[in-house]
Amino acid sequence: MKECSEVGKLVRDRIPEIIREHGREPVVTVLGEADYRGALLEKLFEESTELREAGVTEVAEEIADVLEVLRAIAKVHGYEWADIEKAAEAKRAERGAFLERFYLEG
């Protein structure tokens, strides 16, 4: 587990339990829906930044973190992950993916 000296951020559900197992007592607040939605977007930015900075051996773990945040964002907006996959498939069929590495200049 990464050591964290930051205060005030959204954490995974088991983190308070893990902190207790290490002999410390976490200070935890349960967020209301609006604050939770905002915290999820902040978390997505945090995890995306970590993915961008990840070394080759860390990429899969960082992608997993981004995916978990995206799943939570979908859920809080009333979508099941299957709904997101269906929307992604439709968009891919209409506009393509990112496999050709095209970079539009200007």
PDB file of N, CA and C in Angstrom:
ATOM      1  N   MET A   1       0.841  -1.187   0.000  1.00  0.00           N
ATOM      2  CA  MET A   1       0.000   0.000   0.000  1.00  0.00           C
ATOM      3  C   MET A   1       0.882   1.245   0.000  1.00  0.00           C
ATOM      4  N   LYS A   2       0.550   2.193  -0.838  1.00  0.00           N
ATOM      5  CA  LYS A   2       1.292   3.451  -0.890  1.00  0.00           C
ATOM      6  C   LYS A   2       1.046   4.226   0.395  1.00  0.00           C
ATOM      7  N   GLU A   3       2.093   4.823   0.916  1.00  0.00           N
ATOM      8  CA  GLU A   3       1.919   5.701   2.069  1.00  0.00           C
ATOM      9  C   GLU A   3       1.309   7.007   1.587  1.00  0.00           C
ATOM     10  N   CYS A   4       0.439   7.555   2.370  1.00  0.00           N
ATOM     11  CA  CYS A   4      -0.263   8.765   1.953  1.00  0.00           C
ATOM     12  C   CYS A   4      -0.204   9.805   3.058  1.00  0.00           C
ATOM     13  N   SER A   5       0.394  10.939   2.745  1.00  0.00           N
ATOM     14  CA  SER A   5       0.417  12.031   3.717  1.00  0.00           C
ATOM     15  C   SER A   5      -0.621  13.082   3.361  1.00  0.00           C
ATOM     16  N   GLU A   6      -1.324  12.872   2.216  1.00  0.00           N
ATOM     17  CA  GLU A   6      -2.356  13.817   1.796  1.00  0.00           C
ATOM     18  C   GLU A   6      -3.557  13.725   2.729  1.00  0.00           C
ATOM     19  N   VAL A   7      -4.260  14.809   2.825  1.00  0.00           N
ATOM     20  CA  VAL A   7      -5.475  14.847   3.621  1.00  0.00           C
ATOM     21  C   VAL A   7      -6.622  15.212   2.690  1.00  0.00           C
ATOM     22  N   GLY A   8      -7.763  14.597   2.884  1.00  0.00           N
ATOM     23  CA  GLY A   8      -8.938  14.975   2.134  1.00  0.00           C
ATOM     24  C   GLY A   8      -8.979  14.452   0.725  1.00  0.00           C
ATOM     25  N   LYS A   9      -9.114  13.147   0.569  1.00  0.00           N
ATOM     26  CA  LYS A   9      -9.294  12.598  -0.764  1.00  0.00           C
ATOM     27  C   LYS A   9     -10.137  11.337  -0.680  1.00  0.00           C
ATOM     28  N   LEU A  10     -10.789  11.031  -1.776  1.00  0.00           N
ATOM     29  CA  LEU A  10     -11.593   9.829  -1.882  1.00  0.00           C
ATOM     30  C   LEU A  10     -10.667   8.615  -1.912  1.00  0.00           C
ATOM     31  N   VAL A  11     -11.020   7.598  -1.127  1.00  0.00           N
ATOM     32  CA  VAL A  11     -10.213   6.375  -1.091  1.00  0.00           C
ATOM     33  C   VAL A  11     -11.103   5.154  -1.320  1.00  0.00           C
ATOM     34  N   ARG A  12     -10.483   4.058  -1.700  1.00  0.00           N
ATOM     35  CA  ARG A  12     -11.206   2.810  -1.887  1.00  0.00           C
ATOM     36  C   ARG A  12     -11.849   2.368  -0.571  1.00  0.00           C
ATOM     37  N   ASP A  13     -12.897   1.564  -0.696  1.00  0.00           N
ATOM     38  CA  ASP A  13     -13.730   1.184   0.452  1.00  0.00           C
ATOM     39  C   ASP A  13     -12.979   0.496   1.589  1.00  0.00           C
ATOM     40  N   ARG A  14     -11.953  -0.269   1.278  1.00  0.00           N
ATOM     41  CA  ARG A  14     -11.259  -1.023   2.322  1.00  0.00           C
ATOM     42  C   ARG A  14     -10.095  -0.261   2.951  1.00  0.00           C
ATOM     43  N   ILE A  15      -9.790   0.922   2.462  1.00  0.00           N
ATOM     44  CA  ILE A  15      -8.623   1.659   2.976  1.00  0.00           C
ATOM     45  C   ILE A  15      -8.729   1.966   4.471  1.00  0.00           C
ATOM     46  N   PRO A  16      -9.882   2.429   4.992  1.00  0.00           N
ATOM     47  CA  PRO A  16      -9.948   2.645   6.444  1.00  0.00           C
ATOM     48  C   PRO A  16      -9.654   1.372   7.244  1.00  0.00           C
ATOM     49  N   GLU A  17     -10.172   0.250   6.776  1.00  0.00           N
ATOM     50  CA  GLU A  17      -9.915  -1.038   7.440  1.00  0.00           C
ATOM     51  C   GLU A  17      -8.423  -1.385   7.409  1.00  0.00           C
ATOM     52  N   ILE A  18      -7.790  -1.167   6.283  1.00  0.00           N
ATOM     53  CA  ILE A  18      -6.360  -1.453   6.146  1.00  0.00           C
ATOM     54  C   ILE A  18      -5.545  -0.542   7.060  1.00  0.00           C
ATOM     55  N   ILE A  19      -5.943   0.717   7.167  1.00  0.00           N
ATOM     56  CA  ILE A  19      -5.250   1.644   8.074  1.00  0.00           C
ATOM     57  C   ILE A  19      -5.369   1.148   9.516  1.00  0.00           C
ATOM     58  N   ARG A  20      -6.573   0.697   9.898  1.00  0.00           N
ATOM     59  CA  ARG A  20      -6.769   0.155  11.253  1.00  0.00           C
ATOM     60  C   ARG A  20      -5.895  -1.069  11.508  1.00  0.00           C
ATOM     61  N   GLU A  21      -5.767  -1.917  10.491  1.00  0.00           N
ATOM     62  CA  GLU A  21      -4.926  -3.119  10.615  1.00  0.00           C
ATOM     63  C   GLU A  21      -3.465  -2.757  10.856  1.00  0.00           C
ATOM     64  N   HIS A  22      -3.077  -1.549  10.470  1.00  0.00           N
ATOM     65  CA  HIS A  22      -1.714  -1.085  10.688  1.00  0.00           C
ATOM     66  C   HIS A  22      -1.583  -0.249  11.973  1.00  0.00           C
ATOM     67  N   GLY A  23      -2.614  -0.343  12.837  1.00  0.00           N
ATOM     68  CA  GLY A  23      -2.532   0.271  14.151  1.00  0.00           C
ATOM     69  C   GLY A  23      -2.873   1.741  14.229  1.00  0.00           C
ATOM     70  N   ARG A  24      -3.428   2.299  13.169  1.00  0.00           N
ATOM     71  CA  ARG A  24      -3.801   3.709  13.192  1.00  0.00           C
ATOM     72  C   ARG A  24      -5.315   3.818  13.075  1.00  0.00           C
ATOM     73  N   GLU A  25      -5.850   4.961  13.447  1.00  0.00           N
ATOM     74  CA  GLU A  25      -7.296   5.191  13.359  1.00  0.00           C
ATOM     75  C   GLU A  25      -7.559   6.292  12.331  1.00  0.00           C
ATOM     76  N   PRO A  26      -8.204   5.931  11.214  1.00  0.00           N
ATOM     77  CA  PRO A  26      -8.470   6.935  10.177  1.00  0.00           C
ATOM     78  C   PRO A  26      -9.614   7.865  10.562  1.00  0.00           C
ATOM     79  N   VAL A  27      -9.582   9.070  10.070  1.00  0.00           N
ATOM     80  CA  VAL A  27     -10.687  10.008  10.208  1.00  0.00           C
ATOM     81  C   VAL A  27     -11.404   9.989   8.869  1.00  0.00           C
ATOM     82  N   VAL A  28     -12.640   9.503   8.870  1.00  0.00           N
ATOM     83  CA  VAL A  28     -13.377   9.261   7.632  1.00  0.00           C
ATOM     84  C   VAL A  28     -14.702  10.007   7.664  1.00  0.00           C
ATOM     85  N   THR A  29     -15.060  10.598   6.546  1.00  0.00           N
ATOM     86  CA  THR A  29     -16.361  11.225   6.350  1.00  0.00           C
ATOM     87  C   THR A  29     -17.034  10.527   5.185  1.00  0.00           C
ATOM     88  N   VAL A  30     -18.320  10.252   5.308  1.00  0.00           N
ATOM     89  CA  VAL A  30     -19.087   9.698   4.192  1.00  0.00           C
ATOM     90  C   VAL A  30     -19.681  10.880   3.435  1.00  0.00           C
ATOM     91  N   LEU A  31     -19.364  10.985   2.165  1.00  0.00           N
ATOM     92  CA  LEU A  31     -19.786  12.120   1.357  1.00  0.00           C
ATOM     93  C   LEU A  31     -21.234  12.010   0.911  1.00  0.00           C
ATOM     94  N   GLY A  32     -21.883  13.150   0.801  1.00  0.00           N
ATOM     95  CA  GLY A  32     -23.189  13.213   0.178  1.00  0.00           C
ATOM     96  C   GLY A  32     -23.024  13.056  -1.325  1.00  0.00           C
ATOM     97  N   GLU A  33     -24.144  12.917  -2.045  1.00  0.00           N
ATOM     98  CA  GLU A  33     -24.070  12.612  -3.473  1.00  0.00           C
ATOM     99  C   GLU A  33     -23.323  13.665  -4.286  1.00  0.00           C
ATOM    100  N   ALA A  34     -23.604  14.932  -4.075  1.00  0.00           N
ATOM    101  CA  ALA A  34     -22.944  15.987  -4.865  1.00  0.00           C
ATOM    102  C   ALA A  34     -21.436  16.009  -4.591  1.00  0.00           C
ATOM    103  N   ASP A  35     -21.060  15.931  -3.325  1.00  0.00           N
ATOM    104  CA  ASP A  35     -19.639  15.925  -2.975  1.00  0.00           C
ATOM    105  C   ASP A  35     -18.952  14.665  -3.500  1.00  0.00           C
ATOM    106  N   TYR A  36     -19.661  13.538  -3.461  1.00  0.00           N
ATOM    107  CA  TYR A  36     -19.126  12.275  -3.963  1.00  0.00           C
ATOM    108  C   TYR A  36     -18.840  12.370  -5.459  1.00  0.00           C
ATOM    109  N   ARG A  37     -19.791  12.930  -6.214  1.00  0.00           N
ATOM    110  CA  ARG A  37     -19.590  13.095  -7.660  1.00  0.00           C
ATOM    111  C   ARG A  37     -18.354  13.961  -7.933  1.00  0.00           C
ATOM    112  N   GLY A  38     -18.218  15.043  -7.211  1.00  0.00           N
ATOM    113  CA  GLY A  38     -17.052  15.910  -7.376  1.00  0.00           C
ATOM    114  C   GLY A  38     -15.759  15.206  -7.000  1.00  0.00           C
ATOM    115  N   ALA A  39     -15.796  14.456  -5.905  1.00  0.00           N
ATOM    116  CA  ALA A  39     -14.606  13.730  -5.454  1.00  0.00           C
ATOM    117  C   ALA A  39     -14.207  12.652  -6.459  1.00  0.00           C
ATOM    118  N   LEU A  40     -15.195  12.029  -7.087  1.00  0.00           N
ATOM    119  CA  LEU A  40     -14.887  11.025  -8.110  1.00  0.00           C
ATOM    120  C   LEU A  40     -14.170  11.651  -9.298  1.00  0.00           C
ATOM    121  N   LEU A  41     -14.599  12.834  -9.709  1.00  0.00           N
ATOM    122  CA  LEU A  41     -13.932  13.503 -10.826  1.00  0.00           C
ATOM    123  C   LEU A  41     -12.510  13.922 -10.453  1.00  0.00           C
ATOM    124  N   GLU A  42     -12.327  14.363  -9.214  1.00  0.00           N
ATOM    125  CA  GLU A  42     -10.971  14.681  -8.741  1.00  0.00           C
ATOM    126  C   GLU A  42     -10.114  13.422  -8.722  1.00  0.00           C
ATOM    127  N   LYS A  43     -10.709  12.311  -8.283  1.00  0.00           N
ATOM    128  CA  LYS A  43      -9.993  11.039  -8.223  1.00  0.00           C
ATOM    129  C   LYS A  43      -9.617  10.567  -9.629  1.00  0.00           C
ATOM    130  N   LEU A  44     -10.512  10.767 -10.592  1.00  0.00           N
ATOM    131  CA  LEU A  44     -10.211  10.392 -11.968  1.00  0.00           C
ATOM    132  C   LEU A  44      -9.001  11.172 -12.477  1.00  0.00           C
ATOM    133  N   PHE A  45      -8.958  12.454 -12.189  1.00  0.00           N
ATOM    134  CA  PHE A  45      -7.816  13.276 -12.582  1.00  0.00           C
ATOM    135  C   PHE A  45      -6.534  12.758 -11.915  1.00  0.00           C
ATOM    136  N   GLU A  46      -6.615  12.471 -10.614  1.00  0.00           N
ATOM    137  CA  GLU A  46      -5.455  11.958  -9.865  1.00  0.00           C
ATOM    138  C   GLU A  46      -4.955  10.652 -10.476  1.00  0.00           C
ATOM    139  N   GLU A  47      -5.880   9.729 -10.716  1.00  0.00           N
ATOM    140  CA  GLU A  47      -5.484   8.420 -11.239  1.00  0.00           C
ATOM    141  C   GLU A  47      -4.977   8.526 -12.671  1.00  0.00           C
ATOM    142  N   SER A  48      -5.558   9.414 -13.473  1.00  0.00           N
ATOM    143  CA  SER A  48      -5.087   9.630 -14.845  1.00  0.00           C
ATOM    144  C   SER A  48      -3.667  10.189 -14.850  1.00  0.00           C
ATOM    145  N   THR A  49      -3.390  11.081 -13.921  1.00  0.00           N
ATOM    146  CA  THR A  49      -2.041  11.631 -13.801  1.00  0.00           C
ATOM    147  C   THR A  49      -1.054  10.537 -13.414  1.00  0.00           C
ATOM    148  N   GLU A  50      -1.454   9.674 -12.485  1.00  0.00           N
ATOM    149  CA  GLU A  50      -0.581   8.562 -12.090  1.00  0.00           C
ATOM    150  C   GLU A  50      -0.349   7.611 -13.264  1.00  0.00           C
ATOM    151  N   LEU A  51      -1.367   7.382 -14.074  1.00  0.00           N
ATOM    152  CA  LEU A  51      -1.213   6.536 -15.257  1.00  0.00           C
ATOM    153  C   LEU A  51      -0.220   7.169 -16.238  1.00  0.00           C
ATOM    154  N   ARG A  52      -0.369   8.456 -16.443  1.00  0.00           N
ATOM    155  CA  ARG A  52       0.524   9.164 -17.361  1.00  0.00           C
ATOM    156  C   ARG A  52       1.986   9.070 -16.915  1.00  0.00           C
ATOM    157  N   GLU A  53       2.214   9.062 -15.608  1.00  0.00           N
ATOM    158  CA  GLU A  53       3.566   9.049 -15.060  1.00  0.00           C
ATOM    159  C   GLU A  53       4.086   7.644 -14.765  1.00  0.00           C
ATOM    160  N   ALA A  54       3.253   6.625 -14.989  1.00  0.00           N
ATOM    161  CA  ALA A  54       3.603   5.251 -14.628  1.00  0.00           C
ATOM    162  C   ALA A  54       4.712   4.695 -15.505  1.00  0.00           C
ATOM    163  N   GLY A  55       5.540   3.878 -14.874  1.00  0.00           N
ATOM    164  CA  GLY A  55       6.538   3.123 -15.620  1.00  0.00           C
ATOM    165  C   GLY A  55       5.878   1.917 -16.272  1.00  0.00           C
ATOM    166  N   VAL A  56       6.601   1.267 -17.149  1.00  0.00           N
ATOM    167  CA  VAL A  56       6.068   0.139 -17.911  1.00  0.00           C
ATOM    168  C   VAL A  56       5.459  -0.929 -17.005  1.00  0.00           C
ATOM    169  N   THR A  57       6.087  -1.215 -15.893  1.00  0.00           N
ATOM    170  CA  THR A  57       5.593  -2.276 -15.010  1.00  0.00           C
ATOM    171  C   THR A  57       4.401  -1.845 -14.159  1.00  0.00           C
ATOM    172  N   GLU A  58       4.105  -0.558 -14.141  1.00  0.00           N
ATOM    173  CA  GLU A  58       3.005  -0.036 -13.314  1.00  0.00           C
ATOM    174  C   GLU A  58       1.744   0.283 -14.115  1.00  0.00           C
ATOM    175  N   VAL A  59       1.827   0.236 -15.439  1.00  0.00           N
ATOM    176  CA  VAL A  59       0.729   0.682 -16.286  1.00  0.00           C
ATOM    177  C   VAL A  59      -0.561  -0.091 -16.022  1.00  0.00           C
ATOM    178  N   ALA A  60      -0.495  -1.419 -15.956  1.00  0.00           N
ATOM    179  CA  ALA A  60      -1.714  -2.224 -15.764  1.00  0.00           C
ATOM    180  C   ALA A  60      -2.408  -1.861 -14.458  1.00  0.00           C
ATOM    181  N   GLU A  61      -1.646  -1.688 -13.391  1.00  0.00           N
ATOM    182  CA  GLU A  61      -2.224  -1.324 -12.096  1.00  0.00           C
ATOM    183  C   GLU A  61      -2.884   0.056 -12.149  1.00  0.00           C
ATOM    184  N   GLU A  62      -2.256   0.983 -12.823  1.00  0.00           N
ATOM    185  CA  GLU A  62      -2.819   2.336 -12.926  1.00  0.00           C
ATOM    186  C   GLU A  62      -4.064   2.350 -13.813  1.00  0.00           C
ATOM    187  N   ILE A  63      -4.072   1.555 -14.884  1.00  0.00           N
ATOM    188  CA  ILE A  63      -5.278   1.438 -15.707  1.00  0.00           C
ATOM    189  C   ILE A  63      -6.415   0.863 -14.860  1.00  0.00           C
ATOM    190  N   ALA A  64      -6.108  -0.113 -14.022  1.00  0.00           N
ATOM    191  CA  ALA A  64      -7.121  -0.700 -13.142  1.00  0.00           C
ATOM    192  C   ALA A  64      -7.701   0.350 -12.197  1.00  0.00           C
ATOM    193  N   ASP A  65      -6.873   1.250 -11.699  1.00  0.00           N
ATOM    194  CA  ASP A  65      -7.358   2.319 -10.820  1.00  0.00           C
ATOM    195  C   ASP A  65      -8.295   3.262 -11.572  1.00  0.00           C
ATOM    196  N   VAL A  66      -7.905   3.646 -12.793  1.00  0.00           N
ATOM    197  CA  VAL A  66      -8.757   4.512 -13.605  1.00  0.00           C
ATOM    198  C   VAL A  66     -10.081   3.822 -13.884  1.00  0.00           C
ATOM    199  N   LEU A  67     -10.020   2.542 -14.236  1.00  0.00           N
ATOM    200  CA  LEU A  67     -11.235   1.780 -14.524  1.00  0.00           C
ATOM    201  C   LEU A  67     -12.170   1.734 -13.317  1.00  0.00           C
ATOM    202  N   GLU A  68     -11.622   1.533 -12.131  1.00  0.00           N
ATOM    203  CA  GLU A  68     -12.456   1.464 -10.922  1.00  0.00           C
ATOM    204  C   GLU A  68     -13.169   2.786 -10.670  1.00  0.00           C
ATOM    205  N   VAL A  69     -12.468   3.893 -10.896  1.00  0.00           N
ATOM    206  CA  VAL A  69     -13.096   5.203 -10.732  1.00  0.00           C
ATOM    207  C   VAL A  69     -14.181   5.407 -11.784  1.00  0.00           C
ATOM    208  N   LEU A  70     -13.911   5.013 -13.022  1.00  0.00           N
ATOM    209  CA  LEU A  70     -14.917   5.133 -14.074  1.00  0.00           C
ATOM    210  C   LEU A  70     -16.162   4.296 -13.757  1.00  0.00           C
ATOM    211  N   ARG A  71     -15.970   3.117 -13.213  1.00  0.00           N
ATOM    212  CA  ARG A  71     -17.114   2.281 -12.815  1.00  0.00           C
ATOM    213  C   ARG A  71     -17.960   2.982 -11.754  1.00  0.00           C
ATOM    214  N   ALA A  72     -17.300   3.620 -10.795  1.00  0.00           N
ATOM    215  CA  ALA A  72     -18.023   4.336  -9.736  1.00  0.00           C
ATOM    216  C   ALA A  72     -18.759   5.544 -10.305  1.00  0.00           C
ATOM    217  N   ILE A  73     -18.140   6.250 -11.240  1.00  0.00           N
ATOM    218  CA  ILE A  73     -18.796   7.401 -11.868  1.00  0.00           C
ATOM    219  C   ILE A  73     -20.035   6.935 -12.627  1.00  0.00           C
ATOM    220  N   ALA A  74     -19.916   5.846 -13.364  1.00  0.00           N
ATOM    221  CA  ALA A  74     -21.073   5.302 -14.086  1.00  0.00           C
ATOM    222  C   ALA A  74     -22.194   4.970 -13.109  1.00  0.00           C
ATOM    223  N   LYS A  75     -21.858   4.294 -12.033  1.00  0.00           N
ATOM    224  CA  LYS A  75     -22.846   3.863 -11.036  1.00  0.00           C
ATOM    225  C   LYS A  75     -23.557   5.050 -10.391  1.00  0.00           C
ATOM    226  N   VAL A  76     -22.818   6.078 -10.011  1.00  0.00           N
ATOM    227  CA  VAL A  76     -23.427   7.235  -9.346  1.00  0.00           C
ATOM    228  C   VAL A  76     -24.347   8.009 -10.292  1.00  0.00           C
ATOM    229  N   HIS A  77     -24.135   7.828 -11.590  1.00  0.00           N
ATOM    230  CA  HIS A  77     -25.006   8.467 -12.578  1.00  0.00           C
ATOM    231  C   HIS A  77     -26.127   7.538 -13.048  1.00  0.00           C
ATOM    232  N   GLY A  78     -26.240   6.378 -12.397  1.00  0.00           N
ATOM    233  CA  GLY A  78     -27.341   5.474 -12.679  1.00  0.00           C
ATOM    234  C   GLY A  78     -27.112   4.488 -13.809  1.00  0.00           C
ATOM    235  N   TYR A  79     -25.858   4.313 -14.234  1.00  0.00           N
ATOM    236  CA  TYR A  79     -25.549   3.383 -15.319  1.00  0.00           C
ATOM    237  C   TYR A  79     -24.877   2.135 -14.788  1.00  0.00           C
ATOM    238  N   GLU A  80     -25.224   1.013 -15.393  1.00  0.00           N
ATOM    239  CA  GLU A  80     -24.480  -0.222 -15.153  1.00  0.00           C
ATOM    240  C   GLU A  80     -23.310  -0.224 -16.127  1.00  0.00           C
ATOM    241  N   TRP A  81     -22.257  -0.969 -15.809  1.00  0.00           N
ATOM    242  CA  TRP A  81     -21.086  -0.979 -16.672  1.00  0.00           C
ATOM    243  C   TRP A  81     -21.438  -1.498 -18.066  1.00  0.00           C
ATOM    244  N   ALA A  82     -22.390  -2.416 -18.159  1.00  0.00           N
ATOM    245  CA  ALA A  82     -22.824  -2.923 -19.467  1.00  0.00           C
ATOM    246  C   ALA A  82     -23.380  -1.794 -20.344  1.00  0.00           C
ATOM    247  N   ASP A  83     -24.047  -0.810 -19.724  1.00  0.00           N
ATOM    248  CA  ASP A  83     -24.544   0.351 -20.470  1.00  0.00           C
ATOM    249  C   ASP A  83     -23.388   1.136 -21.075  1.00  0.00           C
ATOM    250  N   ILE A  84     -22.319   1.279 -20.324  1.00  0.00           N
ATOM    251  CA  ILE A  84     -21.149   2.027 -20.783  1.00  0.00           C
ATOM    252  C   ILE A  84     -20.469   1.273 -21.919  1.00  0.00           C
ATOM    253  N   GLU A  85     -20.350  -0.032 -21.768  1.00  0.00           N
ATOM    254  CA  GLU A  85     -19.754  -0.852 -22.828  1.00  0.00           C
ATOM    255  C   GLU A  85     -20.566  -0.746 -24.112  1.00  0.00           C
ATOM    256  N   LYS A  86     -21.890  -0.762 -23.997  1.00  0.00           N
ATOM    257  CA  LYS A  86     -22.769  -0.655 -25.163  1.00  0.00           C
ATOM    258  C   LYS A  86     -22.581   0.702 -25.844  1.00  0.00           C
ATOM    259  N   ALA A  87     -22.515   1.767 -25.063  1.00  0.00           N
ATOM    260  CA  ALA A  87     -22.293   3.103 -25.613  1.00  0.00           C
ATOM    261  C   ALA A  87     -20.925   3.186 -26.289  1.00  0.00           C
ATOM    262  N   ALA A  88     -19.929   2.560 -25.691  1.00  0.00           N
ATOM    263  CA  ALA A  88     -18.584   2.566 -26.271  1.00  0.00           C
ATOM    264  C   ALA A  88     -18.560   1.810 -27.596  1.00  0.00           C
ATOM    265  N   GLU A  89     -19.248   0.677 -27.651  1.00  0.00           N
ATOM    266  CA  GLU A  89     -19.319  -0.102 -28.894  1.00  0.00           C
ATOM    267  C   GLU A  89     -19.990   0.706 -30.001  1.00  0.00           C
ATOM    268  N   ALA A  90     -21.081   1.393 -29.659  1.00  0.00           N
ATOM    269  CA  ALA A  90     -21.791   2.204 -30.654  1.00  0.00           C
ATOM    270  C   ALA A  90     -20.898   3.333 -31.163  1.00  0.00           C
ATOM    271  N   LYS A  91     -20.199   3.975 -30.261  1.00  0.00           N
ATOM    272  CA  LYS A  91     -19.317   5.078 -30.653  1.00  0.00           C
ATOM    273  C   LYS A  91     -18.160   4.561 -31.502  1.00  0.00           C
ATOM    274  N   ARG A  92     -17.627   3.403 -31.131  1.00  0.00           N
ATOM    275  CA  ARG A  92     -16.534   2.798 -31.885  1.00  0.00           C
ATOM    276  C   ARG A  92     -16.995   2.445 -33.301  1.00  0.00           C
ATOM    277  N   ALA A  93     -18.218   1.908 -33.425  1.00  0.00           N
ATOM    278  CA  ALA A  93     -18.760   1.556 -34.743  1.00  0.00           C
ATOM    279  C   ALA A  93     -18.962   2.806 -35.603  1.00  0.00           C
ATOM    280  N   GLU A  94     -19.397   3.889 -34.989  1.00  0.00           N
ATOM    281  CA  GLU A  94     -19.675   5.124 -35.722  1.00  0.00           C
ATOM    282  C   GLU A  94     -18.416   5.913 -36.055  1.00  0.00           C
ATOM    283  N   ARG A  95     -17.502   6.021 -35.065  1.00  0.00           N
ATOM    284  CA  ARG A  95     -16.362   6.942 -35.216  1.00  0.00           C
ATOM    285  C   ARG A  95     -14.998   6.252 -35.210  1.00  0.00           C
ATOM    286  N   GLY A  96     -14.991   4.966 -34.897  1.00  0.00           N
ATOM    287  CA  GLY A  96     -13.732   4.230 -34.831  1.00  0.00           C
ATOM    288  C   GLY A  96     -13.158   4.221 -33.427  1.00  0.00           C
ATOM    289  N   ALA A  97     -11.978   3.605 -33.314  1.00  0.00           N
ATOM    290  CA  ALA A  97     -11.276   3.516 -32.031  1.00  0.00           C
ATOM    291  C   ALA A  97     -10.075   4.464 -32.086  1.00  0.00           C
ATOM    292  N   PHE A  98      -9.008   4.097 -31.438  1.00  0.00           N
ATOM    293  CA  PHE A  98      -7.774   4.885 -31.476  1.00  0.00           C
ATOM    294  C   PHE A  98      -6.590   4.011 -31.897  1.00  0.00           C
ATOM    295  N   LEU A  99      -6.861   2.957 -32.627  1.00  0.00           N
ATOM    296  CA  LEU A  99      -5.836   1.977 -32.961  1.00  0.00           C
ATOM    297  C   LEU A  99      -4.900   2.408 -34.088  1.00  0.00           C
ATOM    298  N   GLU A 100      -5.362   3.283 -34.979  1.00  0.00           N
ATOM    299  CA  GLU A 100      -4.556   3.711 -36.134  1.00  0.00           C
ATOM    300  C   GLU A 100      -3.546   4.793 -35.786  1.00  0.00           C
ATOM    301  N   ARG A 101      -3.641   5.316 -34.563  1.00  0.00           N
ATOM    302  CA  ARG A 101      -2.675   6.320 -34.069  1.00  0.00           C
ATOM    303  C   ARG A 101      -2.755   7.645 -34.831  1.00  0.00           C
ATOM    304  N   PHE A 102      -3.898   7.945 -35.432  1.00  0.00           N
ATOM    305  CA  PHE A 102      -4.049   9.200 -36.171  1.00  0.00           C
ATOM    306  C   PHE A 102      -3.995  10.377 -35.206  1.00  0.00           C
ATOM    307  N   TYR A 103      -3.225  11.384 -35.571  1.00  0.00           N
ATOM    308  CA  TYR A 103      -3.113  12.611 -34.783  1.00  0.00           C
ATOM    309  C   TYR A 103      -3.469  13.749 -35.710  1.00  0.00           C
ATOM    310  N   LEU A 104      -4.580  14.419 -35.458  1.00  0.00           N
ATOM    311  CA  LEU A 104      -5.075  15.479 -36.326  1.00  0.00           C
ATOM    312  C   LEU A 104      -4.310  16.761 -36.035  1.00  0.00           C
ATOM    313  N   GLU A 105      -3.620  17.262 -37.014  1.00  0.00           N
ATOM    314  CA  GLU A 105      -2.848  18.494 -36.884  1.00  0.00           C
ATOM    315  C   GLU A 105      -3.744  19.679 -37.152  1.00  0.00           C
ATOM    316  N   GLY A 106      -3.843  20.579 -36.184  1.00  0.00           N
ATOM    317  CA  GLY A 106      -4.570  21.818 -36.350  1.00  0.00           C
ATOM    318  C   GLY A 106      -5.987  21.721 -36.578  1.00  0.00           C
TER     319      GLY A 106
END
